[in-house]
């Protein structure tokens, strides 16, 4: 039996953890295609405020989104230390600008705590839980909920 199948049967999942400012978030590793260094994006007129622009990714046009802005936080000021997480979100491939990737985590489903009721409506839409690991609080994000159909068509 393969490692991935065995993990799924045990109710565990692999997540990629990353930092935005002083907060940590994570997403399902299965939605991540690659992690690459920051590349300045060519801006697009009339795009949503969180879309920084597009880059050329091996001949394909890749929209780059400031995940900090999309999460309602202050905008990132990209430097050479920032990274782009190239992720599959529904039928689209997008680049997510984050400060740094910090970990690959393997967690059991029972490790994921429910999102607190005090969180905002926006946060409840995309946050699928909180992981308390090694004195760290990491918010599990559902990318498909964060970039709904309306956001996808705006970014196209």
N, C-alpha and C. Protein backbone atom coordinates (compact mmCIF):
# COMPACT_ATOMS: atom_id res chain seq x y z
N UNK A 1 0.85 -1.18 0.00
CA UNK A 1 0.00 0.00 0.00
C UNK A 1 0.89 1.24 0.00
N UNK A 2 0.52 2.23 -0.81
CA UNK A 2 1.35 3.43 -0.90
C UNK A 2 1.23 4.26 0.37
N UNK A 3 2.23 5.10 0.59
CA UNK A 3 2.27 5.98 1.76
C UNK A 3 1.06 6.91 1.78
N UNK A 4 0.74 7.51 0.61
CA UNK A 4 -0.37 8.46 0.54
C UNK A 4 -1.70 7.78 0.87
N UNK A 5 -1.93 6.59 0.34
CA UNK A 5 -3.18 5.87 0.60
C UNK A 5 -3.26 5.50 2.08
N UNK A 6 -2.15 5.04 2.64
CA UNK A 6 -2.11 4.67 4.05
C UNK A 6 -2.44 5.88 4.93
N UNK A 7 -1.87 7.04 4.60
CA UNK A 7 -2.15 8.25 5.37
C UNK A 7 -3.62 8.64 5.30
N UNK A 8 -4.22 8.56 4.10
CA UNK A 8 -5.62 8.93 3.96
C UNK A 8 -6.51 7.99 4.76
N UNK A 9 -6.15 6.72 4.80
CA UNK A 9 -6.94 5.76 5.55
C UNK A 9 -6.88 6.05 7.05
N UNK A 10 -5.79 6.58 7.52
CA UNK A 10 -5.64 6.88 8.94
C UNK A 10 -6.20 8.25 9.31
N UNK A 11 -6.76 9.00 8.34
CA UNK A 11 -7.34 10.31 8.63
C UNK A 11 -6.30 11.39 8.81
N UNK A 12 -5.12 11.21 8.23
CA UNK A 12 -4.10 12.26 8.33
C UNK A 12 -3.92 12.92 6.98
N UNK A 13 -3.34 14.10 7.02
CA UNK A 13 -3.12 14.85 5.78
C UNK A 13 -1.81 15.61 5.86
N UNK A 14 -1.26 15.91 4.70
CA UNK A 14 -0.03 16.71 4.64
C UNK A 14 -0.40 18.13 4.24
N UNK A 15 0.22 19.07 4.95
CA UNK A 15 -0.05 20.49 4.75
C UNK A 15 1.26 21.24 4.58
N UNK A 16 1.20 22.32 3.81
CA UNK A 16 2.36 23.21 3.70
C UNK A 16 2.05 24.44 4.54
N UNK A 17 2.93 24.73 5.49
CA UNK A 17 2.77 25.89 6.37
C UNK A 17 3.61 27.04 5.84
N UNK A 18 3.07 28.25 5.96
CA UNK A 18 3.78 29.44 5.49
C UNK A 18 3.43 30.62 6.38
N UNK A 19 4.29 31.63 6.30
CA UNK A 19 4.12 32.84 7.11
C UNK A 19 3.67 34.02 6.25
N UNK A 20 2.78 34.81 6.84
CA UNK A 20 2.43 36.13 6.31
C UNK A 20 2.50 37.05 7.51
N UNK A 21 3.46 37.95 7.50
CA UNK A 21 3.68 38.79 8.68
C UNK A 21 4.09 37.90 9.84
N UNK A 22 3.42 38.07 10.99
CA UNK A 22 3.76 37.25 12.15
C UNK A 22 2.76 36.11 12.35
N UNK A 23 1.94 35.84 11.34
CA UNK A 23 0.96 34.76 11.43
C UNK A 23 1.33 33.59 10.54
N UNK A 24 0.93 32.40 10.95
CA UNK A 24 1.18 31.20 10.14
C UNK A 24 -0.13 30.64 9.63
N UNK A 25 -0.07 30.16 8.40
CA UNK A 25 -1.22 29.55 7.74
C UNK A 25 -0.73 28.25 7.11
N UNK A 26 -1.66 27.41 6.69
CA UNK A 26 -1.29 26.22 5.95
C UNK A 26 -2.39 25.86 4.96
N UNK A 27 -1.98 25.14 3.92
CA UNK A 27 -2.90 24.66 2.90
C UNK A 27 -2.58 23.20 2.62
N UNK A 28 -3.52 22.51 2.04
CA UNK A 28 -3.33 21.11 1.67
C UNK A 28 -2.20 21.01 0.65
N UNK A 29 -1.26 20.12 0.89
CA UNK A 29 -0.10 19.98 0.00
C UNK A 29 -0.53 19.52 -1.40
N UNK A 30 -1.67 18.85 -1.51
CA UNK A 30 -2.13 18.36 -2.80
C UNK A 30 -2.51 19.49 -3.75
N UNK A 31 -2.79 20.68 -3.24
CA UNK A 31 -3.13 21.81 -4.11
C UNK A 31 -1.89 22.59 -4.55
N UNK A 32 -0.72 22.28 -3.96
CA UNK A 32 0.50 23.02 -4.28
C UNK A 32 1.25 22.34 -5.42
N UNK A 33 1.52 23.11 -6.47
CA UNK A 33 2.27 22.59 -7.61
C UNK A 33 3.77 22.80 -7.44
N UNK A 34 4.15 23.98 -6.97
CA UNK A 34 5.57 24.29 -6.76
C UNK A 34 5.69 25.52 -5.88
N UNK A 35 6.90 25.74 -5.40
CA UNK A 35 7.23 26.93 -4.61
C UNK A 35 8.42 27.57 -5.30
N UNK A 36 8.29 28.85 -5.60
CA UNK A 36 9.35 29.53 -6.33
C UNK A 36 9.63 30.89 -5.71
N UNK A 37 10.79 31.43 -6.03
CA UNK A 37 11.16 32.75 -5.52
C UNK A 37 10.31 33.84 -6.13
N UNK A 38 10.34 34.99 -5.48
CA UNK A 38 9.57 36.15 -5.95
C UNK A 38 10.06 36.62 -7.31
N UNK A 39 9.14 36.89 -8.19
CA UNK A 39 9.41 37.47 -9.50
C UNK A 39 8.46 38.64 -9.65
N UNK A 40 8.96 39.83 -9.98
CA UNK A 40 8.04 40.97 -10.14
C UNK A 40 6.97 40.66 -11.19
N UNK A 41 5.76 41.07 -10.91
CA UNK A 41 4.62 40.79 -11.78
C UNK A 41 4.29 42.01 -12.63
N UNK A 42 3.78 41.75 -13.82
CA UNK A 42 3.29 42.80 -14.70
C UNK A 42 1.85 43.09 -14.30
N UNK A 43 1.56 44.32 -13.90
CA UNK A 43 0.22 44.64 -13.40
C UNK A 43 -0.82 44.57 -14.51
N UNK A 44 -2.04 44.30 -14.09
CA UNK A 44 -3.18 44.23 -15.00
C UNK A 44 -4.16 45.33 -14.62
N UNK A 45 -4.58 46.15 -15.58
CA UNK A 45 -5.56 47.18 -15.24
C UNK A 45 -6.91 46.56 -14.86
N UNK A 46 -7.60 47.19 -13.96
CA UNK A 46 -8.95 46.80 -13.53
C UNK A 46 -9.01 45.42 -12.87
N UNK A 47 -7.90 44.96 -12.33
CA UNK A 47 -7.92 43.67 -11.63
C UNK A 47 -8.29 43.91 -10.16
N UNK A 48 -8.73 42.88 -9.45
CA UNK A 48 -9.05 43.05 -8.02
C UNK A 48 -7.83 43.57 -7.25
N UNK A 49 -8.08 44.22 -6.14
CA UNK A 49 -7.00 44.86 -5.37
C UNK A 49 -5.93 43.87 -4.92
N UNK A 50 -6.26 42.62 -4.73
CA UNK A 50 -5.29 41.63 -4.25
C UNK A 50 -4.49 40.96 -5.37
N UNK A 51 -4.81 41.25 -6.62
CA UNK A 51 -4.06 40.69 -7.76
C UNK A 51 -2.92 41.63 -8.09
N UNK A 52 -1.69 41.16 -7.92
CA UNK A 52 -0.52 41.99 -8.18
C UNK A 52 -0.23 42.10 -9.67
N UNK A 53 -0.64 41.10 -10.43
CA UNK A 53 -0.38 41.08 -11.87
C UNK A 53 -0.15 39.65 -12.31
N UNK A 54 0.63 39.51 -13.40
CA UNK A 54 0.91 38.19 -13.96
C UNK A 54 2.40 38.02 -14.19
N UNK A 55 2.84 36.76 -14.19
CA UNK A 55 4.21 36.44 -14.57
C UNK A 55 4.16 35.33 -15.62
N UNK A 56 5.28 35.15 -16.30
CA UNK A 56 5.42 34.07 -17.28
C UNK A 56 6.00 32.87 -16.55
N UNK A 57 5.23 31.79 -16.48
CA UNK A 57 5.69 30.56 -15.83
C UNK A 57 5.83 29.50 -16.91
N UNK A 58 7.04 29.36 -17.43
CA UNK A 58 7.34 28.39 -18.48
C UNK A 58 6.35 28.47 -19.64
N UNK A 59 6.09 29.69 -20.10
CA UNK A 59 5.23 29.90 -21.25
C UNK A 59 3.76 30.10 -20.92
N UNK A 60 3.36 29.91 -19.66
CA UNK A 60 1.97 30.11 -19.26
C UNK A 60 1.86 31.40 -18.45
N UNK A 61 0.75 32.09 -18.60
CA UNK A 61 0.50 33.31 -17.85
C UNK A 61 -0.07 32.91 -16.49
N UNK A 62 0.62 33.33 -15.42
CA UNK A 62 0.23 32.97 -14.06
C UNK A 62 -0.17 34.21 -13.28
N UNK A 63 -1.44 34.32 -12.86
CA UNK A 63 -1.82 35.47 -12.02
C UNK A 63 -1.20 35.34 -10.64
N UNK A 64 -0.68 36.45 -10.12
CA UNK A 64 -0.06 36.48 -8.79
C UNK A 64 -0.96 37.27 -7.85
N UNK A 65 -1.32 36.64 -6.74
CA UNK A 65 -2.20 37.27 -5.78
C UNK A 65 -1.47 37.48 -4.46
N UNK A 66 -1.64 38.66 -3.90
CA UNK A 66 -1.08 38.95 -2.59
C UNK A 66 -2.01 38.31 -1.56
N UNK A 67 -1.59 37.17 -1.02
CA UNK A 67 -2.46 36.44 -0.10
C UNK A 67 -2.73 37.25 1.16
N UNK A 68 -1.80 38.10 1.55
CA UNK A 68 -2.00 38.97 2.70
C UNK A 68 -3.20 39.88 2.47
N UNK A 69 -3.27 40.52 1.32
CA UNK A 69 -4.40 41.39 0.99
C UNK A 69 -5.70 40.59 0.89
N UNK A 70 -5.63 39.41 0.28
CA UNK A 70 -6.83 38.59 0.11
C UNK A 70 -7.39 38.15 1.46
N UNK A 71 -6.52 38.01 2.45
CA UNK A 71 -6.95 37.62 3.79
C UNK A 71 -7.36 38.81 4.64
N UNK A 72 -7.36 40.02 4.04
CA UNK A 72 -7.78 41.21 4.77
C UNK A 72 -6.70 41.81 5.64
N UNK A 73 -5.46 41.45 5.39
CA UNK A 73 -4.33 41.98 6.15
C UNK A 73 -3.68 43.11 5.35
N UNK A 74 -2.64 43.72 5.92
CA UNK A 74 -1.97 44.79 5.18
C UNK A 74 -1.20 44.21 3.99
N UNK A 75 -1.04 45.00 2.92
CA UNK A 75 -0.38 44.48 1.71
C UNK A 75 1.08 44.11 1.96
N UNK A 76 1.54 43.11 1.22
CA UNK A 76 2.95 42.71 1.28
C UNK A 76 3.77 43.68 0.47
N UNK A 77 5.01 43.84 0.88
CA UNK A 77 5.97 44.60 0.08
C UNK A 77 7.02 43.59 -0.35
N UNK A 78 6.82 42.98 -1.54
CA UNK A 78 7.66 41.85 -1.95
C UNK A 78 9.15 42.20 -2.03
N UNK A 79 9.95 41.28 -1.51
CA UNK A 79 11.40 41.37 -1.61
C UNK A 79 11.91 40.04 -2.15
N UNK A 80 13.20 39.92 -2.31
CA UNK A 80 13.80 38.67 -2.79
C UNK A 80 13.56 37.52 -1.82
N UNK A 81 13.21 37.82 -0.58
CA UNK A 81 12.97 36.77 0.42
C UNK A 81 11.56 36.18 0.34
N UNK A 82 10.64 36.89 -0.32
CA UNK A 82 9.27 36.39 -0.46
C UNK A 82 9.25 35.22 -1.44
N UNK A 83 8.21 34.41 -1.34
CA UNK A 83 8.05 33.28 -2.25
C UNK A 83 6.64 33.28 -2.84
N UNK A 84 6.53 32.59 -3.96
CA UNK A 84 5.25 32.39 -4.62
C UNK A 84 4.92 30.91 -4.53
N UNK A 85 3.78 30.62 -3.93
CA UNK A 85 3.28 29.25 -3.92
C UNK A 85 2.37 29.10 -5.13
N UNK A 86 2.78 28.25 -6.07
CA UNK A 86 1.97 28.00 -7.25
C UNK A 86 0.98 26.90 -6.87
N UNK A 87 -0.31 27.24 -6.91
CA UNK A 87 -1.33 26.31 -6.42
C UNK A 87 -2.44 26.12 -7.44
N UNK A 88 -3.02 24.95 -7.40
CA UNK A 88 -4.20 24.62 -8.20
C UNK A 88 -5.41 24.96 -7.34
N UNK A 89 -6.21 25.91 -7.81
CA UNK A 89 -7.43 26.30 -7.10
C UNK A 89 -8.58 26.04 -8.06
N UNK A 90 -9.33 24.99 -7.76
CA UNK A 90 -10.39 24.52 -8.66
C UNK A 90 -9.76 24.25 -10.02
N UNK A 91 -10.21 24.93 -11.07
CA UNK A 91 -9.67 24.65 -12.41
C UNK A 91 -8.55 25.60 -12.80
N UNK A 92 -8.15 26.51 -11.91
CA UNK A 92 -7.14 27.51 -12.24
C UNK A 92 -5.83 27.24 -11.49
N UNK A 93 -4.75 27.73 -12.08
CA UNK A 93 -3.46 27.72 -11.40
C UNK A 93 -3.15 29.17 -11.07
N UNK A 94 -2.84 29.45 -9.80
CA UNK A 94 -2.56 30.80 -9.34
C UNK A 94 -1.27 30.82 -8.54
N UNK A 95 -0.65 31.99 -8.49
CA UNK A 95 0.52 32.19 -7.65
C UNK A 95 0.12 32.98 -6.42
N UNK A 96 0.49 32.50 -5.25
CA UNK A 96 0.14 33.14 -3.99
C UNK A 96 1.40 33.70 -3.35
N UNK A 97 1.47 35.01 -3.23
CA UNK A 97 2.62 35.65 -2.62
C UNK A 97 2.53 35.52 -1.11
N UNK A 98 3.57 34.92 -0.48
CA UNK A 98 3.65 34.79 0.97
C UNK A 98 5.06 35.20 1.40
N UNK A 99 5.23 35.44 2.70
CA UNK A 99 6.54 35.85 3.21
C UNK A 99 7.56 34.72 3.12
N UNK A 100 7.17 33.52 3.54
CA UNK A 100 8.09 32.38 3.53
C UNK A 100 7.32 31.10 3.78
N UNK A 101 7.81 30.01 3.23
CA UNK A 101 7.27 28.68 3.55
C UNK A 101 8.06 28.19 4.75
N UNK A 102 7.35 27.69 5.77
CA UNK A 102 8.04 27.32 7.01
C UNK A 102 8.12 25.83 7.27
N UNK A 103 7.16 25.04 6.78
CA UNK A 103 7.12 23.62 7.16
C UNK A 103 6.27 22.81 6.21
N UNK A 104 6.51 21.51 6.23
CA UNK A 104 5.57 20.54 5.69
C UNK A 104 5.11 19.75 6.89
N UNK A 105 3.80 19.74 7.14
CA UNK A 105 3.25 19.11 8.33
C UNK A 105 2.42 17.89 7.94
N UNK A 106 2.52 16.84 8.73
CA UNK A 106 1.61 15.70 8.60
C UNK A 106 0.80 15.70 9.88
N UNK A 107 -0.50 15.91 9.74
CA UNK A 107 -1.37 16.01 10.92
C UNK A 107 -2.55 15.05 10.79
N UNK A 108 -3.03 14.60 11.93
CA UNK A 108 -4.24 13.80 11.98
C UNK A 108 -5.42 14.76 11.99
N UNK A 109 -6.54 14.33 11.43
CA UNK A 109 -7.72 15.19 11.39
C UNK A 109 -8.16 15.64 12.78
N UNK A 110 -7.95 14.79 13.79
CA UNK A 110 -8.38 15.18 15.15
C UNK A 110 -7.46 16.23 15.78
N UNK A 111 -6.34 16.55 15.12
CA UNK A 111 -5.43 17.61 15.58
C UNK A 111 -5.98 18.99 15.21
N UNK A 112 -6.84 19.04 14.20
CA UNK A 112 -7.36 20.31 13.70
C UNK A 112 -8.54 20.74 14.58
N UNK A 113 -8.37 21.88 15.25
CA UNK A 113 -9.40 22.43 16.13
C UNK A 113 -10.36 23.29 15.30
N UNK A 114 -11.62 23.38 15.70
CA UNK A 114 -12.56 24.23 14.95
C UNK A 114 -12.16 25.71 15.03
N UNK A 115 -12.53 26.45 14.00
CA UNK A 115 -12.27 27.89 13.97
C UNK A 115 -13.11 28.55 15.07
N UNK A 116 -12.52 29.41 15.89
CA UNK A 116 -13.27 30.04 16.99
C UNK A 116 -14.44 30.88 16.47
N UNK A 117 -15.49 30.96 17.25
CA UNK A 117 -16.68 31.73 16.88
C UNK A 117 -16.41 33.23 16.81
N UNK A 118 -15.33 33.70 17.43
CA UNK A 118 -15.04 35.13 17.44
C UNK A 118 -14.45 35.62 16.12
N UNK A 119 -14.14 34.71 15.21
CA UNK A 119 -13.53 35.12 13.94
C UNK A 119 -14.55 35.84 13.06
N UNK A 120 -14.03 36.61 12.11
CA UNK A 120 -14.89 37.39 11.22
C UNK A 120 -15.60 36.49 10.22
N UNK A 121 -16.61 37.02 9.56
CA UNK A 121 -17.35 36.27 8.54
C UNK A 121 -16.42 35.82 7.42
N UNK A 122 -15.52 36.72 6.97
CA UNK A 122 -14.58 36.37 5.91
C UNK A 122 -13.70 35.21 6.36
N UNK A 123 -13.22 35.27 7.58
CA UNK A 123 -12.35 34.22 8.08
C UNK A 123 -13.08 32.89 8.17
N UNK A 124 -14.33 32.90 8.60
CA UNK A 124 -15.09 31.65 8.69
C UNK A 124 -15.33 31.05 7.31
N UNK A 125 -15.32 31.87 6.26
CA UNK A 125 -15.52 31.36 4.91
C UNK A 125 -14.35 30.52 4.44
N UNK A 126 -13.12 30.91 4.78
CA UNK A 126 -11.94 30.21 4.26
C UNK A 126 -11.20 29.39 5.31
N UNK A 127 -11.33 29.72 6.58
CA UNK A 127 -10.59 29.00 7.63
C UNK A 127 -11.30 27.69 7.93
N UNK A 128 -10.56 26.59 7.81
CA UNK A 128 -11.13 25.27 8.07
C UNK A 128 -10.72 24.71 9.42
N UNK A 129 -9.95 25.49 10.17
CA UNK A 129 -9.56 25.05 11.50
C UNK A 129 -8.24 25.66 11.92
N UNK A 130 -7.88 25.38 13.15
CA UNK A 130 -6.64 25.88 13.73
C UNK A 130 -5.84 24.69 14.24
N UNK A 131 -4.54 24.70 13.95
CA UNK A 131 -3.65 23.66 14.46
C UNK A 131 -2.78 24.29 15.55
N UNK A 132 -2.75 23.67 16.69
CA UNK A 132 -1.87 24.09 17.78
C UNK A 132 -0.74 23.08 17.82
N UNK A 133 0.41 23.45 17.23
CA UNK A 133 1.54 22.53 17.12
C UNK A 133 2.80 23.22 17.64
N UNK A 134 3.47 22.61 18.57
CA UNK A 134 4.74 23.13 19.10
C UNK A 134 4.65 24.61 19.47
N UNK A 135 3.66 24.97 20.24
CA UNK A 135 3.45 26.35 20.70
C UNK A 135 3.16 27.32 19.55
N UNK A 136 2.78 26.79 18.38
CA UNK A 136 2.43 27.62 17.23
C UNK A 136 0.93 27.47 16.97
N UNK A 137 0.31 28.54 16.50
CA UNK A 137 -1.09 28.50 16.10
C UNK A 137 -1.11 28.72 14.59
N UNK A 138 -1.58 27.70 13.86
CA UNK A 138 -1.54 27.73 12.41
C UNK A 138 -2.96 27.59 11.89
N UNK A 139 -3.37 28.53 11.05
CA UNK A 139 -4.72 28.53 10.49
C UNK A 139 -4.74 27.73 9.19
N UNK A 140 -5.62 26.73 9.13
CA UNK A 140 -5.78 25.92 7.92
C UNK A 140 -6.73 26.64 6.97
N UNK A 141 -6.22 26.93 5.76
CA UNK A 141 -6.99 27.67 4.76
C UNK A 141 -7.48 26.72 3.68
N UNK A 142 -8.73 26.91 3.28
CA UNK A 142 -9.29 26.20 2.13
C UNK A 142 -9.23 27.15 0.94
N UNK A 143 -8.28 26.91 0.02
CA UNK A 143 -8.07 27.83 -1.10
C UNK A 143 -9.30 27.97 -1.98
N UNK A 144 -10.02 26.88 -2.19
CA UNK A 144 -11.20 26.95 -3.05
C UNK A 144 -12.24 27.92 -2.48
N UNK A 145 -12.37 27.98 -1.15
CA UNK A 145 -13.31 28.91 -0.52
C UNK A 145 -12.79 30.34 -0.58
N UNK A 146 -11.47 30.50 -0.51
CA UNK A 146 -10.87 31.83 -0.53
C UNK A 146 -10.98 32.49 -1.90
N UNK A 147 -10.84 31.68 -2.93
CA UNK A 147 -10.94 32.18 -4.30
C UNK A 147 -12.16 31.57 -4.95
N UNK A 148 -13.32 32.10 -4.57
CA UNK A 148 -14.57 31.58 -5.10
C UNK A 148 -14.72 31.91 -6.58
N UNK A 149 -15.81 31.49 -7.19
CA UNK A 149 -16.01 31.69 -8.63
C UNK A 149 -15.93 33.16 -9.02
N UNK A 150 -16.50 34.05 -8.20
CA UNK A 150 -16.46 35.48 -8.55
C UNK A 150 -15.03 35.98 -8.57
N UNK A 151 -14.25 35.59 -7.59
CA UNK A 151 -12.85 36.01 -7.54
C UNK A 151 -12.07 35.43 -8.70
N UNK A 152 -12.37 34.18 -9.06
CA UNK A 152 -11.67 33.56 -10.18
C UNK A 152 -11.95 34.29 -11.48
N UNK A 153 -13.20 34.67 -11.71
CA UNK A 153 -13.51 35.34 -12.97
C UNK A 153 -12.93 36.75 -13.00
N UNK A 154 -12.82 37.40 -11.82
CA UNK A 154 -12.18 38.71 -11.77
C UNK A 154 -10.71 38.62 -12.14
N UNK A 155 -10.06 37.54 -11.72
CA UNK A 155 -8.62 37.39 -11.92
C UNK A 155 -8.29 36.93 -13.33
N UNK A 156 -9.26 36.46 -14.05
CA UNK A 156 -9.00 35.93 -15.40
C UNK A 156 -8.68 37.02 -16.39
